[in-house]
Amino acid sequence: MRIETLKLSATRCYLVETGHGYVLIDTGYESDWALFSRRLQQAGARLSEISHVILTHHHDDHCGLLNPITRANEAVRVVMSHRAPELLAAGHNDRTHETGWVSRRASWLISLLRRAQADFDRHWRTHEFPPYTRRESDVLIEGETNLEDIGIGLRGRIIETPGHTNDSISVLLEDGSCFVGDAAANLPALAGTRYCVILLEDIEEYYQSWDKLIRAGARRIFPAHGELFAVERLRRHRGDIRRSDMVHYSPAGLAGT
C-alpha cells in the first residue's frame, strides 16, 4: 500500500492507493487548486483515478476543493460524517458551537502569523468556502464503519472522533496507519499545543477521541498539520491541556481572556 502526502498551503492531504485507484483524505483551501493539481501530478496520480474523497471534517482548509474535484471527476464519492452536509452547505466553518484557542501561546502565535502572511489572515478572518451540496452518490458515516462496506478497497474503518468539530472522523487502516484530520496535530513546540490542534470545541471530548483511536489500534498518526508521529505521543500528552488553559475565540478572529 502506497501513501502519498500532498502538502498544500496549510493542510496535508493524503492519497492512499487501493489497488483500484486512490482514496484522497481531505482537499485543502479553495485557493489550493493549482498547488493540489501539481502535487497530484508529482505523486504520479490522476484525478480520474480517485474513487473516494474522505472528508475528516467540514472546515475550509479541508473541504475547499470539493466542488472542483467533483466537477472534474463526477464518479468520485465524497465520504463524510452524517453531521457534515448541513455544515458544508452553509459555506463557512460552524459558528454554532463555542470554540477556543487551545492555549494562550497558540493565540499569540497565530496573531503573529496573521501579521506576516496576508493570505493566511484572509482565510482565518472569513473561514468561508464554496458551499458544497451533498450528492446522492456521496456516503454519510454514522458510527464506526468498515471501509470495504462502503466500496473502498482497503482493510480498515472510519471512526467518529469529535472534539475539534462535532463532524470530525478519522480513518484507521489495518496496519495502524491513522489519518486524523484535526483530531490531533504535530505543531512546533513553540505553539504549546501538546499534539492538539490549535482550535477546539471540547477538550474533554477531544481527549476521549484520542482514547478511542488508541484502543482501536492506531500506531502511526497522519495529521493534517505537521509530520506523522507515533501514537505513543498521544498517550504521553493526554490531558496536558485543560479547559482552563483555553482562550476564547470569536469568528472575527479576536482572542480575549
C-alpha atoms as a PDB file:
ATOM      1  CA  MET A   1       0.000   0.000   0.000  1.00  0.00           C
ATOM      2  CA  ARG A   2       1.358   3.388  -1.012  1.00  0.00           C
ATOM      3  CA  ILE A   3       0.614   6.576   0.913  1.00  0.00           C
ATOM      4  CA  GLU A   4       1.471   9.943  -0.634  1.00  0.00           C
ATOM      5  CA  THR A   5       1.422  13.187   1.316  1.00  0.00           C
ATOM      6  CA  LEU A   6       0.090  16.163  -0.650  1.00  0.00           C
ATOM      7  CA  LYS A   7       1.456  19.255   1.099  1.00  0.00           C
ATOM      8  CA  LEU A   8      -0.818  22.187   0.332  1.00  0.00           C
ATOM      9  CA  SER A   9      -0.686  25.760   1.635  1.00  0.00           C
ATOM     10  CA  ALA A  10      -1.775  24.927   5.186  1.00  0.00           C
ATOM     11  CA  THR A  11      -3.035  21.349   5.072  1.00  0.00           C
ATOM     12  CA  ARG A  12      -1.517  17.928   4.477  1.00  0.00           C
ATOM     13  CA  CYS A  13      -3.867  15.789   2.438  1.00  0.00           C
ATOM     14  CA  TYR A  14      -3.195  12.099   1.901  1.00  0.00           C
ATOM     15  CA  LEU A  15      -3.511   9.924  -1.169  1.00  0.00           C
ATOM     16  CA  VAL A  16      -3.833   6.212  -0.377  1.00  0.00           C
ATOM     17  CA  GLU A  17      -3.503   3.631  -3.142  1.00  0.00           C
ATOM     18  CA  THR A  18      -6.197   0.953  -3.072  1.00  0.00           C
ATOM     19  CA  GLY A  19      -5.222  -1.346  -5.944  1.00  0.00           C
ATOM     20  CA  HIS A  20      -8.099   0.051  -7.979  1.00  0.00           C
ATOM     21  CA  GLY A  21      -7.139   3.710  -7.792  1.00  0.00           C
ATOM     22  CA  TYR A  22      -6.813   6.082  -4.868  1.00  0.00           C
ATOM     23  CA  VAL A  23      -8.624   7.447  -1.864  1.00  0.00           C
ATOM     24  CA  LEU A  24      -7.992  11.129  -1.106  1.00  0.00           C
ATOM     25  CA  ILE A  25      -8.236  12.273   2.501  1.00  0.00           C
ATOM     26  CA  ASP A  26      -9.190  15.982   2.688  1.00  0.00           C
ATOM     27  CA  THR A  27      -8.722  18.613  -0.024  1.00  0.00           C
ATOM     28  CA  GLY A  28      -7.221  21.902   1.247  1.00  0.00           C
ATOM     29  CA  TYR A  29      -8.334  25.504   0.768  1.00  0.00           C
ATOM     30  CA  GLU A  30     -10.319  26.771  -2.224  1.00  0.00           C
ATOM     31  CA  SER A  31      -7.191  28.681  -3.310  1.00  0.00           C
ATOM     32  CA  ASP A  32      -5.081  25.481  -3.361  1.00  0.00           C
ATOM     33  CA  TRP A  33      -6.374  24.150  -6.703  1.00  0.00           C
ATOM     34  CA  ALA A  34      -3.230  24.814  -8.744  1.00  0.00           C
ATOM     35  CA  LEU A  35      -0.982  23.504  -5.966  1.00  0.00           C
ATOM     36  CA  PHE A  36      -3.224  20.451  -5.451  1.00  0.00           C
ATOM     37  CA  SER A  37      -3.100  19.656  -9.184  1.00  0.00           C
ATOM     38  CA  ARG A  38       0.698  19.932  -9.157  1.00  0.00           C
ATOM     39  CA  ARG A  39       1.052  17.738  -6.063  1.00  0.00           C
ATOM     40  CA  LEU A  40      -1.237  15.128  -7.605  1.00  0.00           C
ATOM     41  CA  GLN A  41       0.888  15.063 -10.753  1.00  0.00           C
ATOM     42  CA  GLN A  42       4.074  14.778  -8.675  1.00  0.00           C
ATOM     43  CA  ALA A  43       2.539  11.746  -6.933  1.00  0.00           C
ATOM     44  CA  GLY A  44       2.006  10.112 -10.323  1.00  0.00           C
ATOM     45  CA  ALA A  45      -1.780  10.088  -9.922  1.00  0.00           C
ATOM     46  CA  ARG A  46      -4.649  11.415 -11.999  1.00  0.00           C
ATOM     47  CA  LEU A  47      -7.847  12.955 -10.681  1.00  0.00           C
ATOM     48  CA  SER A  48      -9.833  10.358 -12.622  1.00  0.00           C
ATOM     49  CA  GLU A  49      -8.165   7.620 -10.541  1.00  0.00           C
ATOM     50  CA  ILE A  50      -9.585   8.907  -7.249  1.00  0.00           C
ATOM     51  CA  SER A  51     -12.618   6.825  -6.310  1.00  0.00           C
ATOM     52  CA  HIS A  52     -13.398   8.439  -2.941  1.00  0.00           C
ATOM     53  CA  VAL A  53     -12.651  11.622  -1.039  1.00  0.00           C
ATOM     54  CA  ILE A  54     -12.868  11.108   2.712  1.00  0.00           C
ATOM     55  CA  LEU A  55     -13.561  14.419   4.435  1.00  0.00           C
ATOM     56  CA  THR A  56     -12.339  14.411   8.028  1.00  0.00           C
ATOM     57  CA  HIS A  57     -14.491  17.476   8.811  1.00  0.00           C
ATOM     58  CA  HIS A  58     -16.117  20.477   7.144  1.00  0.00           C
ATOM     59  CA  HIS A  59     -13.565  23.255   7.815  1.00  0.00           C
ATOM     60  CA  ASP A  60     -12.401  25.499   4.969  1.00  0.00           C
ATOM     61  CA  ASP A  61      -8.831  24.152   4.881  1.00  0.00           C
ATOM     62  CA  HIS A  62     -10.171  20.604   4.450  1.00  0.00           C
ATOM     63  CA  CYS A  63     -13.174  20.935   2.129  1.00  0.00           C
ATOM     64  CA  GLY A  64     -12.348  23.933  -0.079  1.00  0.00           C
ATOM     65  CA  LEU A  65     -11.720  21.885  -3.240  1.00  0.00           C
ATOM     66  CA  LEU A  66     -14.726  19.551  -3.075  1.00  0.00           C
ATOM     67  CA  ASN A  67     -16.555  21.364  -5.860  1.00  0.00           C
ATOM     68  CA  PRO A  68     -13.753  21.428  -8.470  1.00  0.00           C
ATOM     69  CA  ILE A  69     -12.804  17.823  -7.660  1.00  0.00           C
ATOM     70  CA  THR A  70     -16.364  16.524  -8.064  1.00  0.00           C
ATOM     71  CA  ARG A  71     -16.854  18.571 -11.243  1.00  0.00           C
ATOM     72  CA  ALA A  72     -13.653  17.187 -12.776  1.00  0.00           C
ATOM     73  CA  ASN A  73     -14.423  13.620 -11.665  1.00  0.00           C
ATOM     74  CA  GLU A  74     -18.171  13.116 -11.401  1.00  0.00           C
ATOM     75  CA  ALA A  75     -17.717   9.482 -10.380  1.00  0.00           C
ATOM     76  CA  VAL A  76     -15.836  10.320  -7.185  1.00  0.00           C
ATOM     77  CA  ARG A  77     -17.799   9.689  -3.975  1.00  0.00           C
ATOM     78  CA  VAL A  78     -17.392  12.010  -1.009  1.00  0.00           C
ATOM     79  CA  VAL A  79     -17.413  10.238   2.362  1.00  0.00           C
ATOM     80  CA  MET A  80     -18.341  12.432   5.326  1.00  0.00           C
ATOM     81  CA  SER A  81     -19.943  12.437   8.741  1.00  0.00           C
ATOM     82  CA  HIS A  82     -23.750  12.396   8.773  1.00  0.00           C
ATOM     83  CA  ARG A  83     -23.425  15.771  10.518  1.00  0.00           C
ATOM     84  CA  ALA A  84     -21.405  17.327   7.677  1.00  0.00           C
ATOM     85  CA  PRO A  85     -23.915  18.007   4.836  1.00  0.00           C
ATOM     86  CA  GLU A  86     -25.672  20.890   6.564  1.00  0.00           C
ATOM     87  CA  LEU A  87     -22.322  22.387   7.621  1.00  0.00           C
ATOM     88  CA  LEU A  88     -20.896  22.112   4.089  1.00  0.00           C
ATOM     89  CA  ALA A  89     -24.000  23.695   2.578  1.00  0.00           C
ATOM     90  CA  ALA A  90     -23.575  26.737   4.858  1.00  0.00           C
ATOM     91  CA  GLY A  91     -20.271  27.690   3.196  1.00  0.00           C
ATOM     92  CA  HIS A  92     -18.401  28.621   6.370  1.00  0.00           C
ATOM     93  CA  ASN A  93     -16.923  26.960   9.440  1.00  0.00           C
ATOM     94  CA  ASP A  94     -19.552  26.123  12.040  1.00  0.00           C
ATOM     95  CA  ARG A  95     -20.275  29.064  14.343  1.00  0.00           C
ATOM     96  CA  THR A  96     -22.956  27.443  16.491  1.00  0.00           C
ATOM     97  CA  HIS A  97     -20.503  25.759  18.886  1.00  0.00           C
ATOM     98  CA  GLU A  98     -18.273  27.715  21.237  1.00  0.00           C
ATOM     99  CA  THR A  99     -14.662  27.332  20.128  1.00  0.00           C
ATOM    100  CA  GLY A 100     -11.423  28.235  21.892  1.00  0.00           C
ATOM    101  CA  TRP A 101      -7.726  28.530  21.226  1.00  0.00           C
ATOM    102  CA  VAL A 102      -6.057  25.536  22.835  1.00  0.00           C
ATOM    103  CA  SER A 103      -3.703  27.838  24.769  1.00  0.00           C
ATOM    104  CA  ARG A 104      -2.787  31.485  25.182  1.00  0.00           C
ATOM    105  CA  ARG A 105       0.519  30.787  23.451  1.00  0.00           C
ATOM    106  CA  ALA A 106      -1.304  29.382  20.386  1.00  0.00           C
ATOM    107  CA  SER A 107      -3.492  32.500  20.272  1.00  0.00           C
ATOM    108  CA  TRP A 108      -0.399  34.709  20.420  1.00  0.00           C
ATOM    109  CA  LEU A 109       1.402  32.701  17.735  1.00  0.00           C
ATOM    110  CA  ILE A 110      -1.499  32.908  15.292  1.00  0.00           C
ATOM    111  CA  SER A 111      -1.716  36.678  15.796  1.00  0.00           C
ATOM    112  CA  LEU A 112       1.957  36.911  14.757  1.00  0.00           C
ATOM    113  CA  LEU A 113       1.376  34.740  11.692  1.00  0.00           C
ATOM    114  CA  ARG A 114      -1.534  36.935  10.636  1.00  0.00           C
ATOM    115  CA  ARG A 115       0.703  39.961  10.531  1.00  0.00           C
ATOM    116  CA  ALA A 116       3.288  38.069   8.482  1.00  0.00           C
ATOM    117  CA  GLN A 117       1.069  36.390   5.885  1.00  0.00           C
ATOM    118  CA  ALA A 118      -1.834  38.229   4.298  1.00  0.00           C
ATOM    119  CA  ASP A 119      -3.359  35.145   2.651  1.00  0.00           C
ATOM    120  CA  PHE A 120      -3.352  33.251   5.939  1.00  0.00           C
ATOM    121  CA  ASP A 121      -5.100  36.233   7.520  1.00  0.00           C
ATOM    122  CA  ARG A 122      -7.768  36.260   4.805  1.00  0.00           C
ATOM    123  CA  HIS A 123      -8.620  32.609   5.368  1.00  0.00           C
ATOM    124  CA  TRP A 124      -8.700  32.958   9.136  1.00  0.00           C
ATOM    125  CA  ARG A 125     -10.744  36.152   9.018  1.00  0.00           C
ATOM    126  CA  THR A 126     -13.579  34.709   6.937  1.00  0.00           C
ATOM    127  CA  HIS A 127     -13.437  30.904   7.379  1.00  0.00           C
ATOM    128  CA  GLU A 128     -15.572  30.749   4.244  1.00  0.00           C
ATOM    129  CA  PHE A 129     -15.519  28.141   1.492  1.00  0.00           C
ATOM    130  CA  PRO A 130     -17.626  27.389  -1.595  1.00  0.00           C
ATOM    131  CA  PRO A 131     -20.799  25.709  -0.303  1.00  0.00           C
ATOM    132  CA  TYR A 132     -20.981  22.032  -1.187  1.00  0.00           C
ATOM    133  CA  THR A 133     -24.287  20.251  -1.746  1.00  0.00           C
ATOM    134  CA  ARG A 134     -24.293  16.573  -0.907  1.00  0.00           C
ATOM    135  CA  ARG A 135     -24.931  14.346  -3.943  1.00  0.00           C
ATOM    136  CA  GLU A 136     -26.895  11.086  -3.928  1.00  0.00           C
ATOM    137  CA  SER A 137     -23.700   9.128  -4.559  1.00  0.00           C
ATOM    138  CA  ASP A 138     -21.948  10.549  -1.505  1.00  0.00           C
ATOM    139  CA  VAL A 139     -21.628   8.457   1.654  1.00  0.00           C
ATOM    140  CA  LEU A 140     -22.691   9.522   5.144  1.00  0.00           C
ATOM    141  CA  ILE A 141     -20.965   7.943   8.144  1.00  0.00           C
ATOM    142  CA  GLU A 142     -22.696   7.356  11.456  1.00  0.00           C
ATOM    143  CA  GLY A 143     -20.874   5.201  13.960  1.00  0.00           C
ATOM    144  CA  GLU A 144     -17.870   3.011  13.210  1.00  0.00           C
ATOM    145  CA  THR A 145     -17.844   1.923   9.551  1.00  0.00           C
ATOM    146  CA  ASN A 146     -15.691  -0.594   7.688  1.00  0.00           C
ATOM    147  CA  LEU A 147     -14.090   0.818   4.540  1.00  0.00           C
ATOM    148  CA  GLU A 148     -14.915  -2.264   2.482  1.00  0.00           C
ATOM    149  CA  ASP A 149     -18.611  -1.855   3.390  1.00  0.00           C
ATOM    150  CA  ILE A 150     -18.712   1.498   1.569  1.00  0.00           C
ATOM    151  CA  GLY A 151     -16.854   0.312  -1.517  1.00  0.00           C
ATOM    152  CA  ILE A 152     -13.289   1.265  -0.581  1.00  0.00           C
ATOM    153  CA  GLY A 153     -10.761  -1.481  -1.297  1.00  0.00           C
ATOM    154  CA  LEU A 154      -8.785  -1.088   1.910  1.00  0.00           C
ATOM    155  CA  ARG A 155      -8.907  -3.037   5.154  1.00  0.00           C
ATOM    156  CA  GLY A 156      -9.749  -0.530   7.847  1.00  0.00           C
ATOM    157  CA  ARG A 157     -12.505   1.572   9.326  1.00  0.00           C
ATOM    158  CA  ILE A 158     -13.798   5.064   9.856  1.00  0.00           C
ATOM    159  CA  ILE A 159     -14.166   6.198  13.474  1.00  0.00           C
ATOM    160  CA  GLU A 160     -16.013   9.251  14.774  1.00  0.00           C
ATOM    161  CA  THR A 161     -13.501  11.498  16.582  1.00  0.00           C
ATOM    162  CA  PRO A 162     -15.253  14.701  17.714  1.00  0.00           C
ATOM    163  CA  GLY A 163     -13.754  17.434  19.888  1.00  0.00           C
ATOM    164  CA  HIS A 164     -12.285  19.712  17.252  1.00  0.00           C
ATOM    165  CA  THR A 165     -15.655  19.723  15.478  1.00  0.00           C
ATOM    166  CA  ASN A 166     -18.712  17.558  16.041  1.00  0.00           C
ATOM    167  CA  ASP A 167     -18.446  16.142  12.488  1.00  0.00           C
ATOM    168  CA  SER A 168     -14.811  15.003  12.806  1.00  0.00           C
ATOM    169  CA  ILE A 169     -13.968  11.490  11.620  1.00  0.00           C
ATOM    170  CA  SER A 170     -10.681   9.564  11.333  1.00  0.00           C
ATOM    171  CA  VAL A 171      -9.555   6.725   9.070  1.00  0.00           C
ATOM    172  CA  LEU A 172      -7.756   3.796  10.704  1.00  0.00           C
ATOM    173  CA  LEU A 173      -6.168   1.195   8.419  1.00  0.00           C
ATOM    174  CA  GLU A 174      -5.484  -2.390   9.445  1.00  0.00           C
ATOM    175  CA  ASP A 175      -1.717  -1.766   9.675  1.00  0.00           C
ATOM    176  CA  GLY A 176      -2.250   1.000  12.268  1.00  0.00           C
ATOM    177  CA  SER A 177      -1.913   3.975   9.912  1.00  0.00           C
ATOM    178  CA  CYS A 178      -4.411   6.544  11.162  1.00  0.00           C
ATOM    179  CA  PHE A 179      -5.472   9.674   9.243  1.00  0.00           C
ATOM    180  CA  VAL A 180      -6.968  12.058  11.773  1.00  0.00           C
ATOM    181  CA  GLY A 181      -7.523  15.413  10.077  1.00  0.00           C
ATOM    182  CA  ASP A 182      -7.513  17.790  13.065  1.00  0.00           C
ATOM    183  CA  ALA A 183      -8.269  15.157  15.715  1.00  0.00           C
ATOM    184  CA  ALA A 184      -4.545  15.527  16.569  1.00  0.00           C
ATOM    185  CA  ALA A 185      -1.689  17.666  15.249  1.00  0.00           C
ATOM    186  CA  ASN A 186       2.110  17.798  15.269  1.00  0.00           C
ATOM    187  CA  LEU A 187       2.782  21.504  15.540  1.00  0.00           C
ATOM    188  CA  PRO A 188       6.035  23.202  16.634  1.00  0.00           C
ATOM    189  CA  ALA A 189       6.672  23.097  20.385  1.00  0.00           C
ATOM    190  CA  LEU A 190       6.509  26.910  20.416  1.00  0.00           C
ATOM    191  CA  ALA A 191       2.755  26.685  19.786  1.00  0.00           C
ATOM    192  CA  GLY A 192       2.234  24.942  23.121  1.00  0.00           C
ATOM    193  CA  THR A 193      -0.492  22.684  21.738  1.00  0.00           C
ATOM    194  CA  ARG A 194       0.873  19.338  23.037  1.00  0.00           C
ATOM    195  CA  TYR A 195      -0.367  17.399  19.968  1.00  0.00           C
ATOM    196  CA  CYS A 196      -3.751  19.111  19.970  1.00  0.00           C
ATOM    197  CA  VAL A 197      -4.851  21.249  17.051  1.00  0.00           C
ATOM    198  CA  ILE A 198      -4.980  24.970  17.848  1.00  0.00           C
ATOM    199  CA  LEU A 199      -8.797  25.345  17.933  1.00  0.00           C
ATOM    200  CA  LEU A 200     -11.149  23.062  19.837  1.00  0.00           C
ATOM    201  CA  GLU A 201     -14.829  22.845  20.636  1.00  0.00           C
ATOM    202  CA  ASP A 202     -14.488  20.442  23.576  1.00  0.00           C
ATOM    203  CA  ILE A 203     -11.130  19.434  25.087  1.00  0.00           C
ATOM    204  CA  GLU A 204     -12.549  16.518  27.113  1.00  0.00           C
ATOM    205  CA  GLU A 205     -14.288  15.084  24.047  1.00  0.00           C
ATOM    206  CA  TYR A 206     -11.087  15.610  22.051  1.00  0.00           C
ATOM    207  CA  TYR A 207      -9.068  13.503  24.501  1.00  0.00           C
ATOM    208  CA  GLN A 208     -11.809  10.866  24.527  1.00  0.00           C
ATOM    209  CA  SER A 209     -11.317  10.615  20.761  1.00  0.00           C
ATOM    210  CA  TRP A 210      -7.590  10.026  21.349  1.00  0.00           C
ATOM    211  CA  ASP A 211      -8.527   7.213  23.750  1.00  0.00           C
ATOM    212  CA  LYS A 212     -10.810   5.715  21.122  1.00  0.00           C
ATOM    213  CA  LEU A 213      -8.036   5.668  18.494  1.00  0.00           C
ATOM    214  CA  ILE A 214      -5.508   4.186  20.924  1.00  0.00           C
ATOM    215  CA  ARG A 215      -7.914   1.407  21.918  1.00  0.00           C
ATOM    216  CA  ALA A 216      -8.710   0.743  18.250  1.00  0.00           C
ATOM    217  CA  GLY A 217      -5.036   0.002  17.497  1.00  0.00           C
ATOM    218  CA  ALA A 218      -3.700   3.210  15.903  1.00  0.00           C
ATOM    219  CA  ARG A 219       0.092   3.108  15.595  1.00  0.00           C
ATOM    220  CA  ARG A 220       1.112   5.972  13.280  1.00  0.00           C
ATOM    221  CA  ILE A 221      -0.787   9.258  13.282  1.00  0.00           C
ATOM    222  CA  PHE A 222      -1.039  11.145   9.979  1.00  0.00           C
ATOM    223  CA  PRO A 223      -2.275  14.646  10.919  1.00  0.00           C
ATOM    224  CA  ALA A 224      -3.457  17.403   8.601  1.00  0.00           C
ATOM    225  CA  HIS A 225      -0.970  19.751  10.259  1.00  0.00           C
ATOM    226  CA  GLY A 226       2.581  18.535  10.855  1.00  0.00           C
ATOM    227  CA  GLU A 227       4.606  15.387  10.245  1.00  0.00           C
ATOM    228  CA  LEU A 228       3.338  11.900  11.052  1.00  0.00           C
ATOM    229  CA  PHE A 229       4.174  10.637  14.535  1.00  0.00           C
ATOM    230  CA  ALA A 230       3.868   7.569  16.773  1.00  0.00           C
ATOM    231  CA  VAL A 231       0.647   7.119  18.743  1.00  0.00           C
ATOM    232  CA  GLU A 232       2.718   6.909  21.930  1.00  0.00           C
ATOM    233  CA  ARG A 233       2.877  10.701  21.892  1.00  0.00           C
ATOM    234  CA  LEU A 234      -0.893  10.848  22.320  1.00  0.00           C
ATOM    235  CA  ARG A 235      -0.648   8.529  25.325  1.00  0.00           C
ATOM    236  CA  ARG A 236       2.135  10.645  26.819  1.00  0.00           C
ATOM    237  CA  HIS A 237       0.475  14.020  26.344  1.00  0.00           C
ATOM    238  CA  ARG A 238      -3.150  13.175  27.002  1.00  0.00           C
ATOM    239  CA  GLY A 239      -4.523  15.698  29.496  1.00  0.00           C
ATOM    240  CA  ASP A 240      -1.681  18.219  29.148  1.00  0.00           C
ATOM    241  CA  ILE A 241      -4.199  20.870  28.083  1.00  0.00           C
ATOM    242  CA  ARG A 242      -7.018  21.685  30.493  1.00  0.00           C
ATOM    243  CA  ARG A 243     -10.213  23.582  29.847  1.00  0.00           C
ATOM    244  CA  SER A 244      -8.818  26.406  31.966  1.00  0.00           C
ATOM    245  CA  ASP A 245      -5.856  26.739  29.556  1.00  0.00           C
ATOM    246  CA  MET A 246      -8.126  27.589  26.628  1.00  0.00           C
ATOM    247  CA  VAL A 247      -8.672  31.135  25.380  1.00  0.00           C
ATOM    248  CA  HIS A 248     -11.946  32.374  23.921  1.00  0.00           C
ATOM    249  CA  TYR A 249     -12.019  32.616  20.127  1.00  0.00           C
ATOM    250  CA  SER A 250     -14.511  34.643  18.102  1.00  0.00           C
ATOM    251  CA  PRO A 251     -15.349  34.214  14.391  1.00  0.00           C
ATOM    252  CA  ALA A 252     -13.831  37.640  13.816  1.00  0.00           C
ATOM    253  CA  GLY A 253     -10.516  36.110  14.809  1.00  0.00           C
ATOM    254  CA  LEU A 254     -10.069  38.056  18.021  1.00  0.00           C
ATOM    255  CA  ALA A 255      -8.871  36.267  21.108  1.00  0.00           C
ATOM    256  CA  GLY A 256      -9.678  37.513  24.576  1.00  0.00           C
ATOM    257  CA  THR A 257      -9.473  36.323  28.122  1.00  0.00           C
END
